[in-house]
N, C-alpha and C. Protein backbone atom coordinates (compact mmCIF):
# COMPACT_ATOMS: atom_id res chain seq x y z
N MET A 1 -22.45 40.55 -91.02
CA MET A 1 -22.63 40.67 -89.61
C MET A 1 -22.20 42.06 -89.13
N LYS A 2 -21.13 42.62 -89.70
CA LYS A 2 -20.70 43.95 -89.33
C LYS A 2 -21.75 44.98 -89.68
N THR A 3 -22.45 44.78 -90.82
CA THR A 3 -23.49 45.72 -91.20
C THR A 3 -24.65 45.70 -90.25
N LEU A 4 -24.99 44.50 -89.78
CA LEU A 4 -26.07 44.38 -88.80
C LEU A 4 -25.73 45.09 -87.45
N CYS A 5 -24.52 44.89 -86.97
CA CYS A 5 -24.08 45.53 -85.73
C CYS A 5 -24.04 47.07 -85.91
N ALA A 6 -23.57 47.53 -87.02
CA ALA A 6 -23.52 48.98 -87.28
C ALA A 6 -24.91 49.56 -87.34
N ALA A 7 -25.85 48.83 -87.99
CA ALA A 7 -27.24 49.33 -88.09
C ALA A 7 -27.90 49.35 -86.72
N VAL A 8 -27.70 48.36 -85.90
CA VAL A 8 -28.24 48.32 -84.56
C VAL A 8 -27.65 49.44 -83.79
N SER A 9 -26.37 49.71 -83.83
CA SER A 9 -25.74 50.82 -83.10
C SER A 9 -26.35 52.13 -83.52
N LEU A 10 -26.53 52.35 -84.80
CA LEU A 10 -27.11 53.63 -85.24
C LEU A 10 -28.56 53.80 -84.75
N ILE A 11 -29.33 52.73 -84.71
CA ILE A 11 -30.68 52.82 -84.23
C ILE A 11 -30.69 53.14 -82.72
N VAL A 12 -29.88 52.55 -81.98
CA VAL A 12 -29.78 52.79 -80.54
C VAL A 12 -29.33 54.26 -80.32
N LEU A 13 -28.35 54.72 -81.08
CA LEU A 13 -27.87 56.07 -80.91
C LEU A 13 -28.97 57.12 -81.29
N ALA A 14 -29.72 56.80 -82.33
CA ALA A 14 -30.81 57.71 -82.78
C ALA A 14 -31.92 57.74 -81.70
N ALA A 15 -32.20 56.67 -81.06
CA ALA A 15 -33.22 56.61 -80.05
C ALA A 15 -32.79 57.39 -78.80
N CYS A 16 -31.51 57.47 -78.51
CA CYS A 16 -31.03 58.13 -77.31
C CYS A 16 -30.83 59.65 -77.57
N THR A 17 -30.84 60.09 -78.83
CA THR A 17 -30.59 61.49 -79.15
C THR A 17 -31.89 62.28 -78.93
N ARG A 18 -31.81 63.31 -78.15
CA ARG A 18 -32.99 64.16 -77.82
C ARG A 18 -33.12 65.24 -78.87
N GLN A 19 -34.30 65.49 -79.37
CA GLN A 19 -34.57 66.58 -80.30
C GLN A 19 -34.42 67.90 -79.56
N PRO A 20 -33.95 68.94 -80.33
CA PRO A 20 -33.82 70.24 -79.66
C PRO A 20 -35.21 70.76 -79.23
N ILE A 21 -35.19 71.54 -78.17
CA ILE A 21 -36.43 72.14 -77.62
C ILE A 21 -36.84 73.32 -78.47
N ASN A 22 -38.11 73.44 -78.78
CA ASN A 22 -38.62 74.66 -79.37
C ASN A 22 -39.45 75.37 -78.30
N ALA A 23 -38.79 76.17 -77.53
CA ALA A 23 -39.40 76.82 -76.44
C ALA A 23 -39.99 78.20 -76.78
N ALA A 24 -39.70 78.70 -77.97
CA ALA A 24 -40.12 80.05 -78.36
C ALA A 24 -41.61 80.23 -78.17
N GLY A 25 -41.98 81.38 -77.66
CA GLY A 25 -43.39 81.70 -77.45
C GLY A 25 -43.59 82.67 -76.29
N ILE A 26 -44.86 83.00 -76.05
CA ILE A 26 -45.24 83.84 -74.94
C ILE A 26 -45.94 83.01 -73.92
N TYR A 27 -45.51 83.12 -72.66
CA TYR A 27 -46.04 82.35 -71.54
C TYR A 27 -46.51 83.33 -70.46
N ARG A 28 -47.62 83.03 -69.80
CA ARG A 28 -48.18 83.95 -68.80
C ARG A 28 -48.41 83.20 -67.49
N LEU A 29 -48.28 83.99 -66.41
CA LEU A 29 -48.61 83.49 -65.07
C LEU A 29 -49.16 84.66 -64.27
N SER A 30 -50.41 84.47 -63.77
CA SER A 30 -51.02 85.49 -62.98
C SER A 30 -51.37 84.97 -61.60
N THR A 31 -51.05 85.80 -60.59
CA THR A 31 -51.45 85.48 -59.18
C THR A 31 -52.23 86.67 -58.70
N ALA A 32 -52.63 86.62 -57.47
CA ALA A 32 -53.38 87.71 -56.83
C ALA A 32 -52.49 88.96 -56.74
N GLU A 33 -51.14 88.75 -56.54
CA GLU A 33 -50.27 89.89 -56.34
C GLU A 33 -49.64 90.45 -57.59
N LYS A 34 -49.49 89.62 -58.62
CA LYS A 34 -48.71 90.08 -59.82
C LYS A 34 -49.09 89.23 -61.03
N SER A 35 -48.75 89.78 -62.16
CA SER A 35 -48.79 89.03 -63.38
C SER A 35 -47.40 89.03 -64.04
N MET A 36 -47.07 87.93 -64.64
CA MET A 36 -45.77 87.79 -65.27
C MET A 36 -45.95 87.27 -66.71
N VAL A 37 -45.23 87.87 -67.64
CA VAL A 37 -45.22 87.47 -69.04
C VAL A 37 -43.80 87.11 -69.43
N LEU A 38 -43.56 85.86 -69.81
CA LEU A 38 -42.28 85.36 -70.22
C LEU A 38 -42.32 85.21 -71.73
N GLU A 39 -41.42 85.99 -72.42
CA GLU A 39 -41.28 85.87 -73.86
C GLU A 39 -39.96 85.12 -74.11
N VAL A 40 -40.10 83.93 -74.69
CA VAL A 40 -38.89 83.12 -75.01
C VAL A 40 -38.70 83.29 -76.48
N ARG A 41 -37.58 83.85 -76.93
CA ARG A 41 -37.27 84.20 -78.32
C ARG A 41 -36.43 83.08 -78.94
N THR A 42 -36.60 82.92 -80.23
CA THR A 42 -35.91 81.86 -81.01
C THR A 42 -34.37 82.07 -80.97
N GLY A 43 -33.91 83.28 -80.84
CA GLY A 43 -32.43 83.58 -80.87
C GLY A 43 -31.74 83.21 -79.56
N GLY A 44 -32.44 82.63 -78.61
CA GLY A 44 -31.80 82.22 -77.34
C GLY A 44 -31.93 83.25 -76.25
N GLU A 45 -32.77 84.26 -76.41
CA GLU A 45 -32.97 85.27 -75.36
C GLU A 45 -34.38 85.15 -74.83
N TYR A 46 -34.51 85.65 -73.58
CA TYR A 46 -35.86 85.76 -72.99
C TYR A 46 -36.03 87.08 -72.32
N VAL A 47 -37.32 87.48 -72.15
CA VAL A 47 -37.70 88.68 -71.42
C VAL A 47 -38.77 88.31 -70.51
N LEU A 48 -38.66 88.61 -69.22
CA LEU A 48 -39.64 88.34 -68.23
C LEU A 48 -40.18 89.67 -67.70
N GLN A 49 -41.41 89.98 -67.99
CA GLN A 49 -42.05 91.23 -67.50
C GLN A 49 -42.94 90.89 -66.30
N ILE A 50 -42.78 91.73 -65.26
CA ILE A 50 -43.48 91.50 -64.01
C ILE A 50 -44.25 92.77 -63.66
N ASN A 51 -45.57 92.62 -63.48
CA ASN A 51 -46.44 93.77 -63.12
C ASN A 51 -47.22 93.37 -61.89
N GLY A 52 -47.37 94.34 -60.99
CA GLY A 52 -48.15 94.10 -59.76
C GLY A 52 -48.83 95.33 -59.33
N ALA A 53 -49.82 95.19 -58.47
CA ALA A 53 -50.66 96.32 -58.03
C ALA A 53 -49.80 97.37 -57.25
N GLU A 54 -48.90 96.90 -56.39
CA GLU A 54 -48.12 97.82 -55.58
C GLU A 54 -46.66 97.80 -55.90
N ARG A 55 -46.33 97.68 -57.19
CA ARG A 55 -44.93 97.68 -57.62
C ARG A 55 -44.81 98.30 -58.95
N ASN A 56 -43.63 98.82 -59.22
CA ASN A 56 -43.37 99.32 -60.55
C ASN A 56 -43.11 98.16 -61.49
N PRO A 57 -43.54 98.28 -62.74
CA PRO A 57 -43.26 97.20 -63.68
C PRO A 57 -41.78 96.94 -63.76
N ASP A 58 -41.44 95.66 -63.88
CA ASP A 58 -40.01 95.27 -63.91
C ASP A 58 -39.82 94.35 -65.11
N GLN A 59 -38.61 94.39 -65.63
CA GLN A 59 -38.32 93.55 -66.79
C GLN A 59 -36.94 92.91 -66.58
N LEU A 60 -36.88 91.58 -66.65
CA LEU A 60 -35.65 90.82 -66.57
C LEU A 60 -35.32 90.25 -67.91
N ARG A 61 -34.08 90.29 -68.27
CA ARG A 61 -33.64 89.77 -69.57
C ARG A 61 -32.47 88.82 -69.36
N GLY A 62 -32.36 87.87 -70.24
CA GLY A 62 -31.24 86.92 -70.16
C GLY A 62 -31.32 86.02 -71.37
N ARG A 63 -30.54 84.95 -71.32
CA ARG A 63 -30.53 83.97 -72.41
C ARG A 63 -30.95 82.63 -71.88
N TRP A 64 -31.39 81.77 -72.77
CA TRP A 64 -31.83 80.43 -72.45
C TRP A 64 -31.20 79.46 -73.37
N GLU A 65 -31.15 78.22 -72.94
CA GLU A 65 -30.66 77.13 -73.79
C GLU A 65 -31.35 75.81 -73.40
N ASP A 66 -31.23 74.84 -74.34
CA ASP A 66 -31.78 73.52 -74.07
C ASP A 66 -31.19 73.01 -72.78
N GLY A 67 -31.95 72.32 -71.98
CA GLY A 67 -31.42 71.69 -70.80
C GLY A 67 -30.47 70.55 -71.16
N ARG A 68 -29.46 70.35 -70.34
CA ARG A 68 -28.50 69.30 -70.61
C ARG A 68 -28.49 68.23 -69.54
N GLU A 69 -29.41 68.24 -68.68
CA GLU A 69 -29.48 67.28 -67.63
C GLU A 69 -30.86 66.56 -67.66
N PRO A 70 -30.88 65.34 -67.17
CA PRO A 70 -32.18 64.66 -67.14
C PRO A 70 -33.22 65.43 -66.36
N GLY A 71 -34.43 65.55 -66.84
CA GLY A 71 -35.47 66.21 -66.13
C GLY A 71 -35.48 67.76 -66.29
N VAL A 72 -34.55 68.29 -67.09
CA VAL A 72 -34.48 69.67 -67.40
C VAL A 72 -34.65 69.94 -68.88
N ASP A 73 -35.74 70.63 -69.25
CA ASP A 73 -35.99 70.90 -70.67
C ASP A 73 -35.28 72.12 -71.19
N VAL A 74 -35.25 73.14 -70.33
CA VAL A 74 -34.66 74.42 -70.74
C VAL A 74 -34.06 75.05 -69.49
N ALA A 75 -32.92 75.82 -69.71
CA ALA A 75 -32.27 76.53 -68.63
C ALA A 75 -32.25 78.02 -68.91
N PHE A 76 -32.69 78.82 -67.95
CA PHE A 76 -32.74 80.27 -68.09
C PHE A 76 -31.57 80.83 -67.34
N HIS A 77 -30.68 81.55 -67.99
CA HIS A 77 -29.48 82.15 -67.39
C HIS A 77 -29.81 83.57 -66.89
N GLY A 78 -29.23 83.91 -65.69
CA GLY A 78 -29.42 85.27 -65.17
C GLY A 78 -30.75 85.45 -64.47
N LEU A 79 -31.34 84.41 -64.04
CA LEU A 79 -32.65 84.51 -63.35
C LEU A 79 -32.63 83.60 -62.11
N GLN A 80 -33.05 84.18 -60.96
CA GLN A 80 -33.15 83.37 -59.73
C GLN A 80 -34.44 83.75 -59.06
N TRP A 81 -34.91 82.89 -58.19
CA TRP A 81 -36.16 83.06 -57.53
C TRP A 81 -35.93 83.12 -56.02
N ARG A 82 -36.59 84.05 -55.39
CA ARG A 82 -36.63 84.11 -53.92
C ARG A 82 -38.09 83.89 -53.51
N GLY A 83 -38.44 82.66 -53.18
CA GLY A 83 -39.82 82.30 -53.00
C GLY A 83 -40.60 82.37 -54.31
N THR A 84 -41.52 83.28 -54.40
CA THR A 84 -42.25 83.48 -55.66
C THR A 84 -41.84 84.79 -56.43
N GLU A 85 -40.74 85.37 -55.98
CA GLU A 85 -40.28 86.62 -56.60
C GLU A 85 -39.03 86.32 -57.51
N PRO A 86 -39.17 86.59 -58.80
CA PRO A 86 -38.03 86.48 -59.70
C PRO A 86 -37.13 87.70 -59.60
N GLU A 87 -35.85 87.52 -59.78
CA GLU A 87 -34.91 88.61 -59.76
C GLU A 87 -33.75 88.32 -60.60
N ALA A 88 -33.06 89.31 -61.07
CA ALA A 88 -31.86 89.12 -61.89
C ALA A 88 -30.76 88.59 -60.98
N GLY A 89 -29.94 87.75 -61.50
CA GLY A 89 -28.81 87.18 -60.66
C GLY A 89 -27.91 86.33 -61.56
N GLN A 90 -26.91 85.76 -60.86
CA GLN A 90 -25.96 84.93 -61.58
C GLN A 90 -26.41 83.50 -61.76
N GLY A 91 -27.58 83.20 -61.30
CA GLY A 91 -28.02 81.83 -61.36
C GLY A 91 -28.48 81.33 -62.66
N ILE A 92 -28.68 80.04 -62.74
CA ILE A 92 -29.27 79.37 -63.90
C ILE A 92 -30.51 78.66 -63.38
N TRP A 93 -31.65 78.92 -63.95
CA TRP A 93 -32.88 78.34 -63.48
C TRP A 93 -33.34 77.26 -64.43
N ALA A 94 -33.45 76.05 -63.92
CA ALA A 94 -33.87 74.94 -64.73
C ALA A 94 -35.42 74.89 -64.81
N ALA A 95 -35.94 74.52 -65.98
CA ALA A 95 -37.39 74.51 -66.14
C ALA A 95 -37.77 73.27 -66.95
N THR A 96 -39.00 72.85 -66.76
CA THR A 96 -39.52 71.68 -67.50
C THR A 96 -40.83 72.13 -68.23
N PHE A 97 -41.08 71.42 -69.32
CA PHE A 97 -42.31 71.64 -70.08
C PHE A 97 -43.40 70.68 -69.61
N GLU A 98 -44.60 71.16 -69.48
CA GLU A 98 -45.72 70.35 -69.15
C GLU A 98 -46.41 69.86 -70.41
N SER A 99 -47.26 68.89 -70.32
CA SER A 99 -47.96 68.31 -71.52
C SER A 99 -48.86 69.37 -72.19
N ASN A 100 -49.30 70.40 -71.44
CA ASN A 100 -50.14 71.43 -72.00
C ASN A 100 -49.34 72.53 -72.65
N GLY A 101 -48.03 72.39 -72.73
CA GLY A 101 -47.14 73.44 -73.30
C GLY A 101 -46.69 74.45 -72.37
N GLY A 102 -47.06 74.37 -71.08
CA GLY A 102 -46.63 75.34 -70.10
C GLY A 102 -45.18 75.10 -69.69
N ILE A 103 -44.59 76.11 -69.04
CA ILE A 103 -43.18 76.00 -68.49
C ILE A 103 -43.34 76.10 -67.00
N CYS A 104 -42.79 75.12 -66.32
CA CYS A 104 -42.77 75.06 -64.85
C CYS A 104 -41.35 75.38 -64.34
N LEU A 105 -41.27 76.44 -63.55
CA LEU A 105 -39.98 76.83 -63.00
C LEU A 105 -39.70 76.22 -61.67
N ASN A 106 -40.70 75.55 -61.08
CA ASN A 106 -40.50 74.84 -59.83
C ASN A 106 -40.00 75.66 -58.66
N ALA A 107 -40.29 76.94 -58.68
CA ALA A 107 -39.95 77.80 -57.56
C ALA A 107 -40.99 77.54 -56.45
N GLU A 108 -40.57 77.83 -55.23
CA GLU A 108 -41.44 77.56 -54.09
C GLU A 108 -42.80 78.26 -54.22
N GLY A 109 -43.90 77.55 -54.22
CA GLY A 109 -45.21 78.13 -54.26
C GLY A 109 -45.62 78.71 -55.62
N LEU A 110 -44.84 78.45 -56.67
CA LEU A 110 -45.09 79.03 -57.97
C LEU A 110 -45.75 78.01 -58.88
N SER A 111 -46.78 78.43 -59.56
CA SER A 111 -47.40 77.59 -60.51
C SER A 111 -46.70 77.71 -61.89
N CYS A 112 -47.18 77.00 -62.90
CA CYS A 112 -46.53 77.00 -64.18
C CYS A 112 -47.02 78.15 -65.00
N PHE A 113 -46.10 78.64 -65.88
CA PHE A 113 -46.49 79.59 -66.92
C PHE A 113 -47.28 78.82 -67.98
N ILE A 114 -48.34 79.46 -68.51
CA ILE A 114 -49.14 78.83 -69.52
C ILE A 114 -48.88 79.50 -70.85
N LYS A 115 -48.65 78.70 -71.87
CA LYS A 115 -48.31 79.25 -73.21
C LYS A 115 -49.54 79.81 -73.84
N ASP A 116 -49.38 81.03 -74.44
CA ASP A 116 -50.45 81.64 -75.25
C ASP A 116 -50.68 80.81 -76.48
N ASP A 117 -51.91 80.71 -76.88
CA ASP A 117 -52.23 80.03 -78.13
C ASP A 117 -51.83 80.99 -79.29
N PRO A 118 -51.15 80.38 -80.34
CA PRO A 118 -50.78 81.22 -81.45
C PRO A 118 -52.04 81.81 -82.14
N ALA A 119 -51.93 83.04 -82.51
CA ALA A 119 -53.08 83.67 -83.19
C ALA A 119 -53.14 83.35 -84.65
């Protein structure tokens, strides 16, 4: 009976354990005003490049980690949003993955970044 209880406990624990996120890749978001390229690196770093018609190219860097809250797949550190404008800051921005592999940052009026297909 103890073996059965231990086996059931292990099965329940395994079902509740979430697999680590593999977020590494290149993601793109283009709007009428700007284009953004988010490179998520396997070492836990990210680079967000922002280009626009009437702005100098900008690059934000920080680190990311697996989300630790329900409904959060990945957390980007050192990134905050003011409407649809990303900027460096002390914030942590929570993101979710879509079924198509995109990353949604859920900023006001912002669509999801779409993952580049691997070549």
